[in-house]
Amino acid sequence: MYAVIFKAVADKQDEHYSDTVAIMRDLAFKQYNCVDFYSVTEGDQEVAISYWHSEEDIKNWHKNTKHRVAQNLGREKWYKSYSVEVVEIIRKYHFANNE
């Protein structure tokens, strides 16, 4: 299992941004085997973590034409800066309090 950690400093995120995020998320799940996705924003800081079965799925997602357009818009309009980390998950723990 792999995770992609996207950390960004947001700039002007308009309605087009929200629409694009929804389309990209749907595309990642339906065509590139994304397993799960979480995003948190605090002030202008954003962190998004997506989970994938393989590094190959991540590479294919990164090459997608629509995703490339969204990446360019991110650099031009929506983010002041961002970083992306691809990590392999070695171990996973889980706790659930079922009271």
N, C-alpha and C. Protein backbone atom coordinates (compact mmCIF):
# COMPACT_ATOMS: atom_id res chain seq x y z
N MET A 1 0.86 -1.17 0.00
CA MET A 1 0.00 0.00 0.00
C MET A 1 0.90 1.23 0.00
N TYR A 2 0.45 2.27 -0.72
CA TYR A 2 1.19 3.53 -0.83
C TYR A 2 0.28 4.68 -0.46
N ALA A 3 0.90 5.78 -0.07
CA ALA A 3 0.17 7.01 0.20
C ALA A 3 0.85 8.15 -0.52
N VAL A 4 0.05 9.09 -1.00
CA VAL A 4 0.55 10.33 -1.57
C VAL A 4 0.12 11.43 -0.62
N ILE A 5 1.11 12.17 -0.11
CA ILE A 5 0.85 13.26 0.83
C ILE A 5 1.09 14.57 0.09
N PHE A 6 0.03 15.34 -0.05
CA PHE A 6 0.07 16.64 -0.74
C PHE A 6 -0.07 17.72 0.32
N LYS A 7 0.94 18.58 0.45
CA LYS A 7 0.91 19.68 1.41
C LYS A 7 1.03 20.98 0.63
N ALA A 8 0.14 21.94 0.94
CA ALA A 8 0.13 23.16 0.14
C ALA A 8 -0.19 24.39 0.98
N VAL A 9 0.25 25.53 0.44
CA VAL A 9 -0.18 26.83 0.94
C VAL A 9 -1.13 27.37 -0.13
N ALA A 10 -2.38 27.56 0.25
CA ALA A 10 -3.42 27.94 -0.71
C ALA A 10 -3.30 29.40 -1.12
N ASP A 11 -3.73 29.66 -2.34
CA ASP A 11 -3.87 31.02 -2.86
C ASP A 11 -5.36 31.23 -3.10
N LYS A 12 -5.75 31.75 -4.24
CA LYS A 12 -7.15 32.01 -4.54
C LYS A 12 -7.82 30.75 -5.06
N GLN A 13 -8.69 30.17 -4.25
CA GLN A 13 -9.39 28.95 -4.64
C GLN A 13 -10.87 29.28 -4.85
N ASP A 14 -11.25 29.35 -6.12
CA ASP A 14 -12.59 29.75 -6.53
C ASP A 14 -13.50 28.54 -6.74
N GLU A 15 -14.68 28.78 -7.29
CA GLU A 15 -15.63 27.70 -7.55
C GLU A 15 -15.05 26.70 -8.56
N HIS A 16 -14.29 27.18 -9.52
CA HIS A 16 -13.66 26.30 -10.51
C HIS A 16 -12.71 25.32 -9.80
N TYR A 17 -12.03 25.80 -8.77
CA TYR A 17 -11.16 24.93 -7.97
C TYR A 17 -11.97 23.79 -7.34
N SER A 18 -13.06 24.13 -6.67
CA SER A 18 -13.90 23.11 -6.01
C SER A 18 -14.44 22.09 -7.01
N ASP A 19 -14.88 22.56 -8.15
CA ASP A 19 -15.38 21.66 -9.19
C ASP A 19 -14.28 20.73 -9.70
N THR A 20 -13.09 21.30 -9.90
CA THR A 20 -11.96 20.52 -10.40
C THR A 20 -11.55 19.46 -9.40
N VAL A 21 -11.52 19.81 -8.12
CA VAL A 21 -11.17 18.84 -7.07
C VAL A 21 -12.13 17.66 -7.10
N ALA A 22 -13.41 17.94 -7.20
CA ALA A 22 -14.42 16.87 -7.23
C ALA A 22 -14.23 15.97 -8.44
N ILE A 23 -13.97 16.56 -9.59
CA ILE A 23 -13.76 15.78 -10.82
C ILE A 23 -12.50 14.93 -10.71
N MET A 24 -11.42 15.51 -10.19
CA MET A 24 -10.15 14.78 -10.06
C MET A 24 -10.27 13.63 -9.07
N ARG A 25 -10.96 13.87 -7.97
CA ARG A 25 -11.14 12.82 -6.97
C ARG A 25 -11.91 11.65 -7.59
N ASP A 26 -13.00 11.95 -8.30
CA ASP A 26 -13.82 10.93 -8.94
C ASP A 26 -13.00 10.14 -9.96
N LEU A 27 -12.21 10.84 -10.75
CA LEU A 27 -11.36 10.21 -11.76
C LEU A 27 -10.33 9.29 -11.11
N ALA A 28 -9.72 9.74 -10.02
CA ALA A 28 -8.71 8.92 -9.33
C ALA A 28 -9.31 7.60 -8.83
N PHE A 29 -10.51 7.67 -8.28
CA PHE A 29 -11.16 6.46 -7.77
C PHE A 29 -11.61 5.54 -8.90
N LYS A 30 -12.22 6.10 -9.92
CA LYS A 30 -12.83 5.28 -10.97
C LYS A 30 -11.85 4.72 -11.98
N GLN A 31 -10.79 5.47 -12.30
CA GLN A 31 -9.90 5.01 -13.36
C GLN A 31 -8.50 4.61 -12.90
N TYR A 32 -8.11 5.01 -11.68
CA TYR A 32 -6.72 4.78 -11.27
C TYR A 32 -6.59 4.04 -9.94
N ASN A 33 -7.67 3.43 -9.48
CA ASN A 33 -7.64 2.55 -8.31
C ASN A 33 -7.26 3.22 -7.01
N CYS A 34 -7.55 4.51 -6.87
CA CYS A 34 -7.34 5.17 -5.59
C CYS A 34 -8.21 4.46 -4.55
N VAL A 35 -7.65 4.19 -3.38
CA VAL A 35 -8.34 3.42 -2.35
C VAL A 35 -9.10 4.32 -1.38
N ASP A 36 -8.48 5.45 -1.00
CA ASP A 36 -9.09 6.35 -0.04
C ASP A 36 -8.48 7.73 -0.18
N PHE A 37 -9.18 8.74 0.32
CA PHE A 37 -8.71 10.12 0.18
C PHE A 37 -9.22 10.95 1.35
N TYR A 38 -8.31 11.72 1.97
CA TYR A 38 -8.67 12.63 3.06
C TYR A 38 -8.02 13.98 2.80
N SER A 39 -8.72 15.05 3.13
CA SER A 39 -8.17 16.38 2.97
C SER A 39 -8.57 17.24 4.15
N VAL A 40 -7.62 18.05 4.64
CA VAL A 40 -7.87 18.95 5.77
C VAL A 40 -7.28 20.31 5.43
N THR A 41 -8.03 21.36 5.74
CA THR A 41 -7.57 22.72 5.53
C THR A 41 -7.66 23.47 6.85
N GLU A 42 -6.60 24.20 7.17
CA GLU A 42 -6.58 25.07 8.34
C GLU A 42 -5.94 26.38 7.91
N GLY A 43 -6.74 27.44 7.87
CA GLY A 43 -6.24 28.70 7.34
C GLY A 43 -5.88 28.52 5.89
N ASP A 44 -4.65 28.89 5.51
CA ASP A 44 -4.23 28.70 4.12
C ASP A 44 -3.42 27.42 3.93
N GLN A 45 -3.34 26.58 4.96
CA GLN A 45 -2.60 25.32 4.89
C GLN A 45 -3.54 24.17 4.51
N GLU A 46 -3.13 23.38 3.55
CA GLU A 46 -3.93 22.23 3.13
C GLU A 46 -3.06 20.98 3.14
N VAL A 47 -3.63 19.89 3.63
CA VAL A 47 -2.97 18.59 3.57
C VAL A 47 -3.98 17.60 3.02
N ALA A 48 -3.58 16.87 1.99
CA ALA A 48 -4.43 15.83 1.41
C ALA A 48 -3.61 14.55 1.35
N ILE A 49 -4.23 13.46 1.77
CA ILE A 49 -3.56 12.16 1.72
C ILE A 49 -4.45 11.20 0.94
N SER A 50 -3.87 10.60 -0.08
CA SER A 50 -4.59 9.59 -0.85
C SER A 50 -3.84 8.27 -0.71
N TYR A 51 -4.60 7.18 -0.75
CA TYR A 51 -4.04 5.84 -0.58
C TYR A 51 -4.23 5.04 -1.87
N TRP A 52 -3.21 4.26 -2.20
CA TRP A 52 -3.17 3.54 -3.47
C TRP A 52 -2.60 2.14 -3.24
N HIS A 53 -3.01 1.19 -4.10
CA HIS A 53 -2.50 -0.18 -4.01
C HIS A 53 -1.08 -0.29 -4.56
N SER A 54 -0.77 0.52 -5.60
CA SER A 54 0.55 0.34 -6.23
C SER A 54 1.14 1.69 -6.66
N GLU A 55 2.44 1.69 -6.76
CA GLU A 55 3.15 2.87 -7.25
C GLU A 55 2.82 3.10 -8.73
N GLU A 56 2.58 2.03 -9.45
CA GLU A 56 2.22 2.14 -10.87
C GLU A 56 0.91 2.91 -11.04
N ASP A 57 -0.08 2.66 -10.19
CA ASP A 57 -1.34 3.42 -10.24
C ASP A 57 -1.08 4.91 -10.01
N ILE A 58 -0.20 5.22 -9.08
CA ILE A 58 0.13 6.62 -8.79
C ILE A 58 0.80 7.27 -10.00
N LYS A 59 1.74 6.58 -10.60
CA LYS A 59 2.44 7.11 -11.78
C LYS A 59 1.46 7.34 -12.93
N ASN A 60 0.56 6.40 -13.16
CA ASN A 60 -0.43 6.56 -14.23
C ASN A 60 -1.36 7.73 -13.95
N TRP A 61 -1.77 7.89 -12.70
CA TRP A 61 -2.62 9.02 -12.30
C TRP A 61 -1.89 10.34 -12.56
N HIS A 62 -0.63 10.38 -12.21
CA HIS A 62 0.17 11.60 -12.38
C HIS A 62 0.28 12.00 -13.86
N LYS A 63 0.27 11.02 -14.75
CA LYS A 63 0.40 11.27 -16.20
C LYS A 63 -0.92 11.63 -16.87
N ASN A 64 -2.05 11.43 -16.20
CA ASN A 64 -3.36 11.68 -16.82
C ASN A 64 -3.46 13.12 -17.32
N THR A 65 -3.97 13.30 -18.54
CA THR A 65 -4.04 14.60 -19.18
C THR A 65 -4.88 15.60 -18.38
N LYS A 66 -6.04 15.18 -17.90
CA LYS A 66 -6.89 16.09 -17.11
C LYS A 66 -6.21 16.45 -15.79
N HIS A 67 -5.54 15.49 -15.20
CA HIS A 67 -4.82 15.76 -13.96
C HIS A 67 -3.68 16.74 -14.20
N ARG A 68 -3.00 16.62 -15.34
CA ARG A 68 -1.92 17.56 -15.69
C ARG A 68 -2.46 18.99 -15.84
N VAL A 69 -3.62 19.13 -16.44
CA VAL A 69 -4.24 20.46 -16.56
C VAL A 69 -4.53 21.02 -15.17
N ALA A 70 -5.07 20.19 -14.29
CA ALA A 70 -5.36 20.62 -12.91
C ALA A 70 -4.07 21.00 -12.18
N GLN A 71 -3.00 20.25 -12.40
CA GLN A 71 -1.72 20.58 -11.77
C GLN A 71 -1.23 21.96 -12.23
N ASN A 72 -1.36 22.22 -13.52
CA ASN A 72 -0.93 23.52 -14.05
C ASN A 72 -1.76 24.66 -13.47
N LEU A 73 -3.07 24.45 -13.36
CA LEU A 73 -3.93 25.46 -12.75
C LEU A 73 -3.56 25.68 -11.29
N GLY A 74 -3.20 24.60 -10.61
CA GLY A 74 -2.75 24.72 -9.22
C GLY A 74 -1.54 25.62 -9.10
N ARG A 75 -0.56 25.43 -9.99
CA ARG A 75 0.65 26.25 -9.96
C ARG A 75 0.35 27.70 -10.35
N GLU A 76 -0.54 27.89 -11.32
CA GLU A 76 -0.81 29.23 -11.84
C GLU A 76 -1.76 30.05 -10.96
N LYS A 77 -2.75 29.37 -10.32
CA LYS A 77 -3.82 30.11 -9.65
C LYS A 77 -4.08 29.74 -8.20
N TRP A 78 -4.11 28.45 -7.89
CA TRP A 78 -4.73 28.00 -6.65
C TRP A 78 -3.78 27.83 -5.47
N TYR A 79 -2.48 27.70 -5.75
CA TYR A 79 -1.52 27.46 -4.66
C TYR A 79 -0.34 28.42 -4.74
N LYS A 80 0.09 28.87 -3.57
CA LYS A 80 1.33 29.65 -3.48
C LYS A 80 2.52 28.70 -3.55
N SER A 81 2.36 27.53 -2.93
CA SER A 81 3.40 26.50 -2.98
C SER A 81 2.78 25.17 -2.60
N TYR A 82 3.45 24.08 -2.99
CA TYR A 82 3.01 22.76 -2.57
C TYR A 82 4.17 21.78 -2.65
N SER A 83 4.02 20.68 -1.94
CA SER A 83 4.98 19.58 -2.03
C SER A 83 4.18 18.28 -2.07
N VAL A 84 4.78 17.27 -2.69
CA VAL A 84 4.15 15.96 -2.82
C VAL A 84 5.15 14.91 -2.36
N GLU A 85 4.69 14.03 -1.49
CA GLU A 85 5.52 12.92 -1.03
C GLU A 85 4.79 11.62 -1.36
N VAL A 86 5.49 10.67 -1.93
CA VAL A 86 4.94 9.33 -2.18
C VAL A 86 5.65 8.40 -1.22
N VAL A 87 4.88 7.73 -0.37
CA VAL A 87 5.47 6.87 0.66
C VAL A 87 4.86 5.48 0.60
N GLU A 88 5.67 4.50 0.97
CA GLU A 88 5.18 3.13 1.08
C GLU A 88 4.79 2.89 2.53
N ILE A 89 3.62 2.33 2.73
CA ILE A 89 3.15 2.04 4.08
C ILE A 89 3.70 0.69 4.50
N ILE A 90 4.47 0.70 5.54
CA ILE A 90 5.11 -0.52 6.03
C ILE A 90 4.21 -1.26 7.01
N ARG A 91 3.52 -0.50 7.84
CA ARG A 91 2.70 -1.08 8.90
C ARG A 91 1.48 -0.20 9.08
N LYS A 92 0.38 -0.80 9.51
CA LYS A 92 -0.85 -0.05 9.76
C LYS A 92 -1.48 -0.56 11.05
N TYR A 93 -1.92 0.36 11.89
CA TYR A 93 -2.59 0.01 13.13
C TYR A 93 -3.99 0.62 13.11
N HIS A 94 -4.88 0.03 13.90
CA HIS A 94 -6.25 0.52 13.92
C HIS A 94 -6.82 0.33 15.33
N PHE A 95 -7.59 1.28 15.78
CA PHE A 95 -8.29 1.17 17.06
C PHE A 95 -9.71 1.66 16.86
N ALA A 96 -10.67 0.98 17.42
CA ALA A 96 -12.07 1.41 17.40
C ALA A 96 -12.68 1.12 18.75
N ASN A 97 -13.19 2.12 19.38
CA ASN A 97 -13.86 1.97 20.66
C ASN A 97 -15.34 1.72 20.39
N ASN A 98 -15.80 0.50 20.53
CA ASN A 98 -17.15 0.11 20.18
C ASN A 98 -18.10 0.13 21.36
N GLU A 99 -18.12 1.21 22.10
CA GLU A 99 -19.02 1.31 23.26
C GLU A 99 -20.43 1.61 22.83
